[in-house]
């Protein structure tokens, strides 16, 4: 039981250090345009890296997951709403799963 508290303490320290070190070291405003643009896209890339594998593995077939991803990207690129994109992706998976399971 004591090891659990040690693990929690180490995890808390690492998390705290990761968040505090940049605040302590970077006192000035960041003026480098490359660094600013890099930091701007970090949340989007992190979300994409976590979401993409889940999209492919959420279905019983890799093909239907990939097809749903393609449908979602095309509809989102064309400016459709989130509900339309989600519904079309689900429909694509449903139709493909009907034919792939047989």
Protein backbone atom coordinates (compact mmCIF):
# COMPACT_ATOMS: atom_id res chain seq x y z
CA UNK A 1 0.00 0.00 0.00
CA UNK A 2 2.92 2.32 0.70
CA UNK A 3 4.14 1.94 -2.89
CA UNK A 4 0.88 3.37 -4.20
CA UNK A 5 1.48 6.60 -2.29
CA UNK A 6 5.04 6.74 -3.60
CA UNK A 7 3.78 6.30 -7.17
CA UNK A 8 1.22 9.05 -6.70
CA UNK A 9 3.85 11.36 -5.22
CA UNK A 10 6.27 10.76 -8.11
CA UNK A 11 3.50 11.26 -10.66
CA UNK A 12 2.44 14.52 -8.99
CA UNK A 13 6.04 15.79 -8.91
CA UNK A 14 6.64 14.99 -12.57
CA UNK A 15 3.37 16.61 -13.61
CA UNK A 16 4.14 19.70 -11.54
CA UNK A 17 7.66 20.00 -12.96
CA UNK A 18 6.46 19.67 -16.55
CA UNK A 19 4.04 22.54 -16.02
CA UNK A 20 6.22 24.81 -13.88
CA UNK A 21 9.63 24.62 -15.59
CA UNK A 22 8.51 26.58 -18.69
CA UNK A 23 6.88 29.22 -16.50
CA UNK A 24 10.03 29.64 -14.44
CA UNK A 25 12.50 29.60 -17.34
CA UNK A 26 10.52 31.75 -19.79
CA UNK A 27 9.94 35.08 -18.11
CA UNK A 28 9.78 37.10 -21.34
CA UNK A 29 7.13 36.96 -24.04
CA UNK A 30 7.98 34.58 -26.87
CA UNK A 31 8.71 36.66 -29.98
CA UNK A 32 10.08 33.99 -32.31
CA UNK A 33 7.39 33.39 -34.96
CA UNK A 34 8.42 29.78 -35.56
CA UNK A 35 8.13 28.90 -31.87
CA UNK A 36 4.82 30.73 -31.58
CA UNK A 37 3.36 28.91 -34.57
CA UNK A 38 4.70 25.59 -33.24
CA UNK A 39 3.07 26.16 -29.85
CA UNK A 40 -0.17 27.24 -31.55
CA UNK A 41 -0.58 23.86 -33.27
CA UNK A 42 0.48 21.61 -30.36
CA UNK A 43 -3.07 21.12 -28.95
CA UNK A 44 -4.46 20.20 -32.38
CA UNK A 45 -1.69 17.72 -33.10
CA UNK A 46 -2.05 16.14 -29.66
CA UNK A 47 -5.78 15.69 -30.15
CA UNK A 48 -5.25 14.21 -33.61
CA UNK A 49 -2.61 11.78 -32.39
CA UNK A 50 -4.94 10.52 -29.66
CA UNK A 51 -8.06 10.38 -31.85
CA UNK A 52 -6.80 8.85 -35.10
CA UNK A 53 -5.90 5.37 -33.76
CA UNK A 54 -9.21 5.22 -31.89
CA UNK A 55 -11.10 5.96 -35.11
CA UNK A 56 -9.45 3.07 -36.90
CA UNK A 57 -9.84 0.61 -34.02
CA UNK A 58 -13.40 1.51 -32.96
CA UNK A 59 -14.99 -0.69 -35.60
CA UNK A 60 -14.70 -4.40 -36.23
CA UNK A 61 -12.86 -3.74 -39.49
CA UNK A 62 -9.96 -1.45 -40.27
CA UNK A 63 -11.51 -0.77 -43.68
CA UNK A 64 -14.76 0.60 -42.25
CA UNK A 65 -12.85 2.75 -39.76
CA UNK A 66 -10.67 4.17 -42.51
CA UNK A 67 -13.72 4.81 -44.70
CA UNK A 68 -15.44 6.67 -41.86
CA UNK A 69 -12.31 8.77 -41.40
CA UNK A 70 -12.20 9.65 -45.10
CA UNK A 71 -15.91 10.55 -45.11
CA UNK A 72 -15.42 12.73 -42.02
CA UNK A 73 -12.41 14.55 -43.47
CA UNK A 74 -14.14 15.25 -46.79
CA UNK A 75 -17.35 16.53 -45.18
CA UNK A 76 -15.48 18.61 -42.60
CA UNK A 77 -13.33 20.11 -45.34
CA UNK A 78 -16.51 21.08 -47.20
CA UNK A 79 -17.75 22.92 -44.12
CA UNK A 80 -20.50 20.59 -42.93
CA UNK A 81 -21.66 20.69 -39.32
CA UNK A 82 -20.36 18.33 -36.65
CA UNK A 83 -23.70 16.50 -36.54
CA UNK A 84 -23.66 15.93 -40.31
CA UNK A 85 -20.05 14.72 -40.24
CA UNK A 86 -20.71 12.33 -37.35
CA UNK A 87 -23.93 10.99 -38.86
CA UNK A 88 -22.36 10.40 -42.27
CA UNK A 89 -19.35 8.67 -40.71
CA UNK A 90 -21.60 6.41 -38.66
CA UNK A 91 -23.66 5.63 -41.75
CA UNK A 92 -20.51 4.77 -43.70
CA UNK A 93 -19.41 2.37 -40.98
CA UNK A 94 -22.88 0.83 -40.75
CA UNK A 95 -23.14 0.21 -44.49
CA UNK A 96 -19.60 -1.14 -44.82
CA UNK A 97 -20.01 -3.41 -41.80
CA UNK A 98 -23.16 -4.88 -43.39
CA UNK A 99 -21.21 -5.92 -46.44
CA UNK A 100 -17.90 -6.82 -44.79
CA UNK A 101 -19.35 -9.15 -42.15
CA UNK A 102 -20.94 -11.45 -44.72
